[in-house]
Amino acid sequence: MKTTGVDDIEYGVYVWRTPNGYVGDDEQRYMMIASRKGDQTKIAALRQAARNHGVTDGEPEFRSGSRPVSDSEYEHQKERQVEGLVPDQYDLGNLIDEYKYQKEIDKS
């Protein structure tokens, strides 16, 4: 039986994907733009950025629920993980779980 993912979050990032993989630098920082799914203005901006960097093949791919993270924010996330916390303090799934948990506590 084949399973497929369902995008339940309309916000995320578009990354540029070629037949050889995602376009990025040597430190695996990928060419991306934060966007709402289907935003043609953001897609056009990413397409133009790919052309400006000499990338002639590939297409934008939407990654639901993802967001760009700076190098300093990534370091902060690693520290949070070492401390036993959820690495991304803006992790939507975790925020929803915390909200549901707090509602249960408030009921008791």
PDB file of N, CA and C in Angstrom:
ATOM      1  N   MET A   1       0.838  -1.175   0.000  1.00  0.00           N
ATOM      2  CA  MET A   1       0.000   0.000   0.000  1.00  0.00           C
ATOM      3  C   MET A   1       0.885   1.241   0.000  1.00  0.00           C
ATOM      4  N   LYS A   2       0.630   2.156  -0.913  1.00  0.00           N
ATOM      5  CA  LYS A   2       1.419   3.378  -1.030  1.00  0.00           C
ATOM      6  C   LYS A   2       0.776   4.485  -0.200  1.00  0.00           C
ATOM      7  N   THR A   3       1.607   5.209   0.548  1.00  0.00           N
ATOM      8  CA  THR A   3       1.098   6.332   1.325  1.00  0.00           C
ATOM      9  C   THR A   3       1.647   7.621   0.755  1.00  0.00           C
ATOM     10  N   THR A   4       0.903   8.694   0.930  1.00  0.00           N
ATOM     11  CA  THR A   4       1.347  10.009   0.489  1.00  0.00           C
ATOM     12  C   THR A   4       1.123  10.999   1.608  1.00  0.00           C
ATOM     13  N   GLY A   5       1.926  12.060   1.623  1.00  0.00           N
ATOM     14  CA  GLY A   5       1.777  13.110   2.621  1.00  0.00           C
ATOM     15  C   GLY A   5       0.692  14.088   2.221  1.00  0.00           C
ATOM     16  N   VAL A   6       0.124  14.740   3.199  1.00  0.00           N
ATOM     17  CA  VAL A   6      -0.896  15.746   2.956  1.00  0.00           C
ATOM     18  C   VAL A   6      -0.413  17.045   3.555  1.00  0.00           C
ATOM     19  N   ASP A   7      -0.356  18.092   2.717  1.00  0.00           N
ATOM     20  CA  ASP A   7       0.024  19.413   3.214  1.00  0.00           C
ATOM     21  C   ASP A   7      -1.155  20.016   3.946  1.00  0.00           C
ATOM     22  N   ASP A   8      -1.065  20.093   5.265  1.00  0.00           N
ATOM     23  CA  ASP A   8      -2.159  20.672   6.034  1.00  0.00           C
ATOM     24  C   ASP A   8      -1.845  22.096   6.478  1.00  0.00           C
ATOM     25  N   ILE A   9      -0.667  22.585   6.129  1.00  0.00           N
ATOM     26  CA  ILE A   9      -0.260  23.938   6.486  1.00  0.00           C
ATOM     27  C   ILE A   9       0.012  24.683   5.190  1.00  0.00           C
ATOM     28  N   GLU A  10      -0.664  25.803   4.971  1.00  0.00           N
ATOM     29  CA  GLU A  10      -0.514  26.511   3.704  1.00  0.00           C
ATOM     30  C   GLU A  10       0.698  27.434   3.667  1.00  0.00           C
ATOM     31  N   TYR A  11       1.398  27.587   4.794  1.00  0.00           N
ATOM     32  CA  TYR A  11       2.608  28.397   4.819  1.00  0.00           C
ATOM     33  C   TYR A  11       3.821  27.496   4.900  1.00  0.00           C
ATOM     34  N   GLY A  12       4.896  27.918   4.277  1.00  0.00           N
ATOM     35  CA  GLY A  12       6.127  27.146   4.277  1.00  0.00           C
ATOM     36  C   GLY A  12       7.174  27.854   3.452  1.00  0.00           C
ATOM     37  N   VAL A  13       7.968  27.095   2.731  1.00  0.00           N
ATOM     38  CA  VAL A  13       8.989  27.668   1.857  1.00  0.00           C
ATOM     39  C   VAL A  13       8.949  26.976   0.502  1.00  0.00           C
ATOM     40  N   TYR A  14       9.337  27.709  -0.505  1.00  0.00           N
ATOM     41  CA  TYR A  14       9.629  27.117  -1.802  1.00  0.00           C
ATOM     42  C   TYR A  14      11.135  26.982  -1.889  1.00  0.00           C
ATOM     43  N   VAL A  15      11.608  25.817  -2.267  1.00  0.00           N
ATOM     44  CA  VAL A  15      13.032  25.572  -2.519  1.00  0.00           C
ATOM     45  C   VAL A  15      13.175  25.249  -4.001  1.00  0.00           C
ATOM     46  N   TRP A  16      14.373  25.501  -4.536  1.00  0.00           N
ATOM     47  CA  TRP A  16      14.598  25.209  -5.943  1.00  0.00           C
ATOM     48  C   TRP A  16      15.184  23.812  -6.052  1.00  0.00           C
ATOM     49  N   ARG A  17      14.498  22.960  -6.780  1.00  0.00           N
ATOM     50  CA  ARG A  17      14.927  21.560  -6.925  1.00  0.00           C
ATOM     51  C   ARG A  17      15.250  21.269  -8.389  1.00  0.00           C
ATOM     52  N   THR A  18      16.404  20.669  -8.612  1.00  0.00           N
ATOM     53  CA  THR A  18      16.817  20.231  -9.940  1.00  0.00           C
ATOM     54  C   THR A  18      16.788  18.706  -9.955  1.00  0.00           C
ATOM     55  N   PRO A  19      16.992  18.094 -11.111  1.00  0.00           N
ATOM     56  CA  PRO A  19      17.058  16.626 -11.146  1.00  0.00           C
ATOM     57  C   PRO A  19      18.158  16.054 -10.242  1.00  0.00           C
ATOM     58  N   ASN A  20      19.161  16.871  -9.913  1.00  0.00           N
ATOM     59  CA  ASN A  20      20.267  16.415  -9.064  1.00  0.00           C
ATOM     60  C   ASN A  20      20.063  16.732  -7.583  1.00  0.00           C
ATOM     61  N   GLY A  21      18.977  17.373  -7.226  1.00  0.00           N
ATOM     62  CA  GLY A  21      18.714  17.708  -5.824  1.00  0.00           C
ATOM     63  C   GLY A  21      18.417  19.187  -5.648  1.00  0.00           C
ATOM     64  N   TYR A  22      18.468  19.637  -4.405  1.00  0.00           N
ATOM     65  CA  TYR A  22      18.168  21.036  -4.094  1.00  0.00           C
ATOM     66  C   TYR A  22      19.375  21.917  -4.362  1.00  0.00           C
ATOM     67  N   VAL A  23      19.119  23.152  -4.796  1.00  0.00           N
ATOM     68  CA  VAL A  23      20.187  24.104  -5.071  1.00  0.00           C
ATOM     69  C   VAL A  23      20.561  24.785  -3.759  1.00  0.00           C
ATOM     70  N   GLY A  24      21.838  24.754  -3.429  1.00  0.00           N
ATOM     71  CA  GLY A  24      22.325  25.387  -2.210  1.00  0.00           C
ATOM     72  C   GLY A  24      23.828  25.567  -2.269  1.00  0.00           C
ATOM     73  N   ASP A  25      24.374  26.140  -1.215  1.00  0.00           N
ATOM     74  CA  ASP A  25      25.820  26.347  -1.171  1.00  0.00           C
ATOM     75  C   ASP A  25      26.514  25.146  -0.532  1.00  0.00           C
ATOM     76  N   ASP A  26      27.816  25.268  -0.329  1.00  0.00           N
ATOM     77  CA  ASP A  26      28.608  24.162   0.218  1.00  0.00           C
ATOM     78  C   ASP A  26      28.240  23.821   1.661  1.00  0.00           C
ATOM     79  N   GLU A  27      27.582  24.754   2.354  1.00  0.00           N
ATOM     80  CA  GLU A  27      27.199  24.527   3.750  1.00  0.00           C
ATOM     81  C   GLU A  27      25.739  24.109   3.875  1.00  0.00           C
ATOM     82  N   GLN A  28      25.168  23.655   2.778  1.00  0.00           N
ATOM     83  CA  GLN A  28      23.790  23.166   2.708  1.00  0.00           C
ATOM     84  C   GLN A  28      22.758  24.213   3.110  1.00  0.00           C
ATOM     85  N   ARG A  29      23.026  25.457   2.748  1.00  0.00           N
ATOM     86  CA  ARG A  29      22.026  26.515   2.878  1.00  0.00           C
ATOM     87  C   ARG A  29      21.338  26.593   1.522  1.00  0.00           C
ATOM     88  N   TYR A  30      20.073  26.219   1.498  1.00  0.00           N
ATOM     89  CA  TYR A  30      19.363  26.049   0.239  1.00  0.00           C
ATOM     90  C   TYR A  30      18.740  27.343  -0.259  1.00  0.00           C
ATOM     91  N   MET A  31      18.609  27.435  -1.584  1.00  0.00           N
ATOM     92  CA  MET A  31      17.925  28.564  -2.205  1.00  0.00           C
ATOM     93  C   MET A  31      16.451  28.396  -1.905  1.00  0.00           C
ATOM     94  N   MET A  32      15.884  29.331  -1.146  1.00  0.00           N
ATOM     95  CA  MET A  32      14.487  29.210  -0.739  1.00  0.00           C
ATOM     96  C   MET A  32      13.875  30.572  -0.491  1.00  0.00           C
ATOM     97  N   ILE A  33      12.563  30.575  -0.419  1.00  0.00           N
ATOM     98  CA  ILE A  33      11.830  31.791  -0.088  1.00  0.00           C
ATOM     99  C   ILE A  33      10.607  31.395   0.738  1.00  0.00           C
ATOM    100  N   ALA A  34      10.395  32.103   1.841  1.00  0.00           N
ATOM    101  CA  ALA A  34       9.202  31.866   2.658  1.00  0.00           C
ATOM    102  C   ALA A  34       7.981  32.303   1.861  1.00  0.00           C
ATOM    103  N   SER A  35       6.922  31.509   1.937  1.00  0.00           N
ATOM    104  CA  SER A  35       5.779  31.790   1.084  1.00  0.00           C
ATOM    105  C   SER A  35       4.528  31.086   1.572  1.00  0.00           C
ATOM    106  N   ARG A  36       3.430  31.546   1.065  1.00  0.00           N
ATOM    107  CA  ARG A  36       2.166  30.840   1.176  1.00  0.00           C
ATOM    108  C   ARG A  36       2.072  29.944  -0.061  1.00  0.00           C
ATOM    109  N   LYS A  37       1.531  28.756   0.084  1.00  0.00           N
ATOM    110  CA  LYS A  37       1.459  27.827  -1.038  1.00  0.00           C
ATOM    111  C   LYS A  37       0.719  28.465  -2.216  1.00  0.00           C
ATOM    112  N   GLY A  38       1.336  28.405  -3.395  1.00  0.00           N
ATOM    113  CA  GLY A  38       0.724  28.932  -4.606  1.00  0.00           C
ATOM    114  C   GLY A  38       0.967  30.404  -4.872  1.00  0.00           C
ATOM    115  N   ASP A  39       1.750  31.091  -4.037  1.00  0.00           N
ATOM    116  CA  ASP A  39       2.008  32.526  -4.217  1.00  0.00           C
ATOM    117  C   ASP A  39       2.893  32.725  -5.449  1.00  0.00           C
ATOM    118  N   GLN A  40       2.284  33.139  -6.551  1.00  0.00           N
ATOM    119  CA  GLN A  40       3.002  33.260  -7.817  1.00  0.00           C
ATOM    120  C   GLN A  40       4.084  34.337  -7.791  1.00  0.00           C
ATOM    121  N   THR A  41       3.912  35.375  -6.971  1.00  0.00           N
ATOM    122  CA  THR A  41       4.933  36.412  -6.852  1.00  0.00           C
ATOM    123  C   THR A  41       6.208  35.836  -6.240  1.00  0.00           C
ATOM    124  N   LYS A  42       6.064  35.035  -5.181  1.00  0.00           N
ATOM    125  CA  LYS A  42       7.230  34.417  -4.532  1.00  0.00           C
ATOM    126  C   LYS A  42       7.873  33.370  -5.440  1.00  0.00           C
ATOM    127  N   ILE A  43       7.051  32.619  -6.151  1.00  0.00           N
ATOM    128  CA  ILE A  43       7.567  31.609  -7.070  1.00  0.00           C
ATOM    129  C   ILE A  43       8.388  32.287  -8.169  1.00  0.00           C
ATOM    130  N   ALA A  44       7.871  33.404  -8.696  1.00  0.00           N
ATOM    131  CA  ALA A  44       8.587  34.141  -9.742  1.00  0.00           C
ATOM    132  C   ALA A  44       9.911  34.695  -9.205  1.00  0.00           C
ATOM    133  N   ALA A  45       9.910  35.173  -7.965  1.00  0.00           N
ATOM    134  CA  ALA A  45      11.141  35.697  -7.366  1.00  0.00           C
ATOM    135  C   ALA A  45      12.185  34.592  -7.216  1.00  0.00           C
ATOM    136  N   LEU A  46      11.749  33.409  -6.794  1.00  0.00           N
ATOM    137  CA  LEU A  46      12.681  32.290  -6.655  1.00  0.00           C
ATOM    138  C   LEU A  46      13.190  31.848  -8.019  1.00  0.00           C
ATOM    139  N   ARG A  47      12.311  31.813  -9.006  1.00  0.00           N
ATOM    140  CA  ARG A  47      12.704  31.445 -10.368  1.00  0.00           C
ATOM    141  C   ARG A  47      13.768  32.424 -10.903  1.00  0.00           C
ATOM    142  N   GLN A  48      13.556  33.720 -10.655  1.00  0.00           N
ATOM    143  CA  GLN A  48      14.507  34.736 -11.100  1.00  0.00           C
ATOM    144  C   GLN A  48      15.839  34.591 -10.366  1.00  0.00           C
ATOM    145  N   ALA A  49      15.798  34.308  -9.077  1.00  0.00           N
ATOM    146  CA  ALA A  49      17.034  34.107  -8.309  1.00  0.00           C
ATOM    147  C   ALA A  49      17.818  32.918  -8.846  1.00  0.00           C
ATOM    148  N   ALA A  50      17.108  31.849  -9.207  1.00  0.00           N
ATOM    149  CA  ALA A  50      17.791  30.678  -9.781  1.00  0.00           C
ATOM    150  C   ALA A  50      18.482  31.069 -11.078  1.00  0.00           C
ATOM    151  N   ARG A  51      17.777  31.796 -11.937  1.00  0.00           N
ATOM    152  CA  ARG A  51      18.387  32.242 -13.206  1.00  0.00           C
ATOM    153  C   ARG A  51      19.601  33.129 -12.949  1.00  0.00           C
ATOM    154  N   ASN A  52      19.465  34.046 -11.978  1.00  0.00           N
ATOM    155  CA  ASN A  52      20.562  34.967 -11.674  1.00  0.00           C
ATOM    156  C   ASN A  52      21.815  34.227 -11.191  1.00  0.00           C
ATOM    157  N   HIS A  53      21.626  33.040 -10.632  1.00  0.00           N
ATOM    158  CA  HIS A  53      22.762  32.236 -10.160  1.00  0.00           C
ATOM    159  C   HIS A  53      23.177  31.177 -11.175  1.00  0.00           C
ATOM    160  N   GLY A  54      22.658  31.291 -12.402  1.00  0.00           N
ATOM    161  CA  GLY A  54      23.065  30.397 -13.475  1.00  0.00           C
ATOM    162  C   GLY A  54      22.406  29.039 -13.467  1.00  0.00           C
ATOM    163  N   VAL A  55      21.348  28.876 -12.690  1.00  0.00           N
ATOM    164  CA  VAL A  55      20.637  27.597 -12.646  1.00  0.00           C
ATOM    165  C   VAL A  55      19.566  27.636 -13.728  1.00  0.00           C
ATOM    166  N   THR A  56      19.703  26.755 -14.696  1.00  0.00           N
ATOM    167  CA  THR A  56      18.787  26.786 -15.842  1.00  0.00           C
ATOM    168  C   THR A  56      17.762  25.661 -15.839  1.00  0.00           C
ATOM    169  N   ASP A  57      17.938  24.673 -14.959  1.00  0.00           N
ATOM    170  CA  ASP A  57      16.961  23.584 -14.907  1.00  0.00           C
ATOM    171  C   ASP A  57      16.343  23.521 -13.522  1.00  0.00           C
ATOM    172  N   GLY A  58      15.292  22.744 -13.406  1.00  0.00           N
ATOM    173  CA  GLY A  58      14.636  22.572 -12.118  1.00  0.00           C
ATOM    174  C   GLY A  58      13.367  23.379 -12.007  1.00  0.00           C
ATOM    175  N   GLU A  59      12.805  23.316 -10.812  1.00  0.00           N
ATOM    176  CA  GLU A  59      11.539  24.008 -10.559  1.00  0.00           C
ATOM    177  C   GLU A  59      11.372  24.227  -9.064  1.00  0.00           C
ATOM    178  N   PRO A  60      10.478  25.153  -8.681  1.00  0.00           N
ATOM    179  CA  PRO A  60      10.221  25.369  -7.263  1.00  0.00           C
ATOM    180  C   PRO A  60       9.439  24.200  -6.669  1.00  0.00           C
ATOM    181  N   GLU A  61       9.770  23.852  -5.436  1.00  0.00           N
ATOM    182  CA  GLU A  61       9.058  22.788  -4.717  1.00  0.00           C
ATOM    183  C   GLU A  61       8.633  23.349  -3.367  1.00  0.00           C
ATOM    184  N   PHE A  62       7.347  23.197  -3.045  1.00  0.00           N
ATOM    185  CA  PHE A  62       6.824  23.723  -1.785  1.00  0.00           C
ATOM    186  C   PHE A  62       7.074  22.741  -0.657  1.00  0.00           C
ATOM    187  N   ARG A  63       7.569  23.242   0.466  1.00  0.00           N
ATOM    188  CA  ARG A  63       7.812  22.445   1.666  1.00  0.00           C
ATOM    189  C   ARG A  63       6.915  23.015   2.770  1.00  0.00           C
ATOM    190  N   SER A  64       5.779  22.374   2.975  1.00  0.00           N
ATOM    191  CA  SER A  64       4.771  22.822   3.922  1.00  0.00           C
ATOM    192  C   SER A  64       5.309  22.847   5.352  1.00  0.00           C
ATOM    193  N   GLY A  65       5.002  23.930   6.066  1.00  0.00           N
ATOM    194  CA  GLY A  65       5.359  24.020   7.477  1.00  0.00           C
ATOM    195  C   GLY A  65       6.811  24.338   7.750  1.00  0.00           C
ATOM    196  N   SER A  66       7.614  24.485   6.722  1.00  0.00           N
ATOM    197  CA  SER A  66       9.034  24.804   6.912  1.00  0.00           C
ATOM    198  C   SER A  66       9.219  26.317   6.897  1.00  0.00           C
ATOM    199  N   ARG A  67      10.367  26.752   7.401  1.00  0.00           N
ATOM    200  CA  ARG A  67      10.684  28.176   7.361  1.00  0.00           C
ATOM    201  C   ARG A  67      12.189  28.345   7.312  1.00  0.00           C
ATOM    202  N   PRO A  68      12.647  29.477   6.740  1.00  0.00           N
ATOM    203  CA  PRO A  68      14.086  29.726   6.718  1.00  0.00           C
ATOM    204  C   PRO A  68      14.611  29.940   8.134  1.00  0.00           C
ATOM    205  N   VAL A  69      15.815  29.471   8.397  1.00  0.00           N
ATOM    206  CA  VAL A  69      16.447  29.631   9.701  1.00  0.00           C
ATOM    207  C   VAL A  69      17.860  30.154   9.467  1.00  0.00           C
ATOM    208  N   SER A  70      18.216  31.253  10.143  1.00  0.00           N
ATOM    209  CA  SER A  70      19.566  31.818  10.004  1.00  0.00           C
ATOM    210  C   SER A  70      20.578  30.920  10.713  1.00  0.00           C
ATOM    211  N   ASP A  71      21.852  31.150  10.443  1.00  0.00           N
ATOM    212  CA  ASP A  71      22.905  30.364  11.094  1.00  0.00           C
ATOM    213  C   ASP A  71      22.869  30.535  12.611  1.00  0.00           C
ATOM    214  N   SER A  72      22.646  31.772  13.084  1.00  0.00           N
ATOM    215  CA  SER A  72      22.621  31.995  14.533  1.00  0.00           C
ATOM    216  C   SER A  72      21.391  31.342  15.166  1.00  0.00           C
ATOM    217  N   GLU A  73      20.269  31.359  14.474  1.00  0.00           N
ATOM    218  CA  GLU A  73      19.069  30.704  14.994  1.00  0.00           C
ATOM    219  C   GLU A  73      19.274  29.184  15.041  1.00  0.00           C
ATOM    220  N   TYR A  74      19.965  28.649  14.040  1.00  0.00           N
ATOM    221  CA  TYR A  74      20.262  27.217  14.025  1.00  0.00           C
ATOM    222  C   TYR A  74      21.112  26.839  15.237  1.00  0.00           C
ATOM    223  N   GLU A  75      22.103  27.653  15.564  1.00  0.00           N
ATOM    224  CA  GLU A  75      22.938  27.394  16.743  1.00  0.00           C
ATOM    225  C   GLU A  75      22.093  27.431  18.016  1.00  0.00           C
ATOM    226  N   HIS A  76      21.169  28.386  18.076  1.00  0.00           N
ATOM    227  CA  HIS A  76      20.268  28.485  19.228  1.00  0.00           C
ATOM    228  C   HIS A  76      19.394  27.236  19.338  1.00  0.00           C
ATOM    229  N   GLN A  77      18.932  26.726  18.206  1.00  0.00           N
ATOM    230  CA  GLN A  77      18.113  25.512  18.215  1.00  0.00           C
ATOM    231  C   GLN A  77      18.914  24.315  18.715  1.00  0.00           C
ATOM    232  N   LYS A  78      20.175  24.234  18.325  1.00  0.00           N
ATOM    233  CA  LYS A  78      21.014  23.133  18.814  1.00  0.00           C
ATOM    234  C   LYS A  78      21.173  23.213  20.333  1.00  0.00           C
ATOM    235  N   GLU A  79      21.339  24.420  20.875  1.00  0.00           N
ATOM    236  CA  GLU A  79      21.444  24.602  22.322  1.00  0.00           C
ATOM    237  C   GLU A  79      20.159  24.164  23.016  1.00  0.00           C
ATOM    238  N   ARG A  80      19.015  24.539  22.452  1.00  0.00           N
ATOM    239  CA  ARG A  80      17.728  24.147  23.039  1.00  0.00           C
ATOM    240  C   ARG A  80      17.592  22.630  23.062  1.00  0.00           C
ATOM    241  N   GLN A  81      18.023  21.972  21.997  1.00  0.00           N
ATOM    242  CA  GLN A  81      17.920  20.517  21.936  1.00  0.00           C
ATOM    243  C   GLN A  81      18.787  19.871  23.006  1.00  0.00           C
ATOM    244  N   VAL A  82      19.989  20.382  23.201  1.00  0.00           N
ATOM    245  CA  VAL A  82      20.880  19.843  24.231  1.00  0.00           C
ATOM    246  C   VAL A  82      20.252  19.997  25.619  1.00  0.00           C
ATOM    247  N   GLU A  83      19.498  21.081  25.805  1.00  0.00           N
ATOM    248  CA  GLU A  83      18.835  21.340  27.086  1.00  0.00           C
ATOM    249  C   GLU A  83      17.561  20.512  27.264  1.00  0.00           C
ATOM    250  N   GLY A  84      17.210  19.711  26.256  1.00  0.00           N
ATOM    251  CA  GLY A  84      16.022  18.870  26.356  1.00  0.00           C
ATOM    252  C   GLY A  84      14.741  19.567  25.930  1.00  0.00           C
ATOM    253  N   LEU A  85      14.859  20.716  25.292  1.00  0.00           N
ATOM    254  CA  LEU A  85      13.693  21.457  24.817  1.00  0.00           C
ATOM    255  C   LEU A  85      13.436  21.136  23.352  1.00  0.00           C
ATOM    256  N   VAL A  86      12.257  21.505  22.873  1.00  0.00           N
ATOM    257  CA  VAL A  86      11.977  21.400  21.447  1.00  0.00           C
ATOM    258  C   VAL A  86      12.911  22.404  20.755  1.00  0.00           C
ATOM    259  N   PRO A  87      13.705  21.954  19.799  1.00  0.00           N
ATOM    260  CA  PRO A  87      14.700  22.847  19.198  1.00  0.00           C
ATOM    261  C   PRO A  87      14.125  24.149  18.639  1.00  0.00           C
ATOM    262  N   ASP A  88      13.037  24.070  17.889  1.00  0.00           N
ATOM    263  CA  ASP A  88      12.458  25.261  17.277  1.00  0.00           C
ATOM    264  C   ASP A  88      11.314  25.754  18.145  1.00  0.00           C
ATOM    265  N   GLN A  89      11.517  26.887  18.777  1.00  0.00           N
ATOM    266  CA  GLN A  89      10.472  27.408  19.659  1.00  0.00           C
ATOM    267  C   GLN A  89       9.218  27.801  18.891  1.00  0.00           C
ATOM    268  N   TYR A  90       9.310  27.877  17.562  1.00  0.00           N
ATOM    269  CA  TYR A  90       8.153  28.207  16.730  1.00  0.00           C
ATOM    270  C   TYR A  90       7.596  26.978  16.013  1.00  0.00           C
ATOM    271  N   ASP A  91       7.950  25.789  16.457  1.00  0.00           N
ATOM    272  CA  ASP A  91       7.468  24.549  15.848  1.00  0.00           C
ATOM    273  C   ASP A  91       5.959  24.493  16.002  1.00  0.00           C
ATOM    274  N   LEU A  92       5.243  24.577  14.882  1.00  0.00           N
ATOM    275  CA  LEU A  92       3.784  24.675  14.920  1.00  0.00           C
ATOM    276  C   LEU A  92       3.136  23.470  15.589  1.00  0.00           C
ATOM    277  N   GLY A  93       3.610  22.279  15.258  1.00  0.00           N
ATOM    278  CA  GLY A  93       3.044  21.078  15.879  1.00  0.00           C
ATOM    279  C   GLY A  93       3.189  21.102  17.385  1.00  0.00           C
ATOM    280  N   ASN A  94       4.347  21.528  17.867  1.00  0.00           N
ATOM    281  CA  ASN A  94       4.574  21.608  19.299  1.00  0.00           C
ATOM    282  C   ASN A  94       3.697  22.684  19.938  1.00  0.00           C
ATOM    283  N   LEU A  95       3.557  23.820  19.275  1.00  0.00           N
ATOM    284  CA  LEU A  95       2.711  24.888  19.820  1.00  0.00           C
ATOM    285  C   LEU A  95       1.262  24.429  19.943  1.00  0.00           C
ATOM    286  N   ILE A  96       0.792  23.689  18.953  1.00  0.00           N
ATOM    287  CA  ILE A  96      -0.577  23.167  19.003  1.00  0.00           C
ATOM    288  C   ILE A  96      -0.720  22.183  20.161  1.00  0.00           C
ATOM    289  N   ASP A  97       0.261  21.291  20.315  1.00  0.00           N
ATOM    290  CA  ASP A  97       0.216  20.327  21.425  1.00  0.00           C
ATOM    291  C   ASP A  97       0.223  21.032  22.773  1.00  0.00           C
ATOM    292  N   GLU A  98       1.043  22.074  22.922  1.00  0.00           N
ATOM    293  CA  GLU A  98       1.086  22.818  24.182  1.00  0.00           C
ATOM    294  C   GLU A  98      -0.252  23.499  24.461  1.00  0.00           C
ATOM    295  N   TYR A  99      -0.870  24.032  23.414  1.00  0.00           N
ATOM    296  CA  TYR A  99      -2.171  24.683  23.561  1.00  0.00           C
ATOM    297  C   TYR A  99      -3.220  23.678  24.031  1.00  0.00           C
ATOM    298  N   LYS A 100      -3.252  22.502  23.393  1.00  0.00           N
ATOM    299  CA  LYS A 100      -4.216  21.463  23.790  1.00  0.00           C
ATOM    300  C   LYS A 100      -3.966  21.007  25.227  1.00  0.00           C
ATOM    301  N   TYR A 101      -2.699  20.844  25.583  1.00  0.00           N
ATOM    302  CA  TYR A 101      -2.345  20.415  26.936  1.00  0.00           C
ATOM    303  C   TYR A 101      -2.803  21.459  27.948  1.00  0.00           C
ATOM    304  N   GLN A 102      -2.587  22.730  27.645  1.00  0.00           N
ATOM    305  CA  GLN A 102      -2.982  23.790  28.573  1.00  0.00           C
ATOM    306  C   GLN A 102      -4.500  23.825  28.732  1.00  0.00           C
ATOM    307  N   LYS A 103      -5.247  23.576  27.662  1.00  0.00           N
ATOM    308  CA  LYS A 103      -6.713  23.549  27.758  1.00  0.00           C
ATOM    309  C   LYS A 103      -7.167  22.411  28.667  1.00  0.00           C
ATOM    310  N   GLU A 104      -6.497  21.263  28.577  1.00  0.00           N
ATOM    311  CA  GLU A 104      -6.836  20.132  29.443  1.00  0.00           C
ATOM    312  C   GLU A 104      -6.556  20.462  30.900  1.00  0.00           C
ATOM    313  N   ILE A 105      -5.445  21.113  31.161  1.00  0.00           N
ATOM    314  CA  ILE A 105      -5.104  21.510  32.538  1.00  0.00           C
ATOM    315  C   ILE A 105      -6.141  22.510  33.064  1.00  0.00           C
ATOM    316  N   ASP A 106      -6.537  23.453  32.244  1.00  0.00           N
ATOM    317  CA  ASP A 106      -7.499  24.466  32.659  1.00  0.00           C
ATOM    318  C   ASP A 106      -8.853  23.855  32.989  1.00  0.00           C
ATOM    319  N   LYS A 107      -9.215  22.734  32.320  1.00  0.00           N
ATOM    320  CA  LYS A 107     -10.487  22.064  32.588  1.00  0.00           C
ATOM    321  C   LYS A 107     -10.502  21.397  33.962  1.00  0.00           C
ATOM    322  N   SER A 108      -9.313  20.930  34.417  1.00  0.00           N
ATOM    323  CA  SER A 108      -9.291  20.184  35.674  1.00  0.00           C
ATOM    324  C   SER A 108      -9.272  21.072  36.884  1.00  0.00           C
TER     325      SER A 108
END
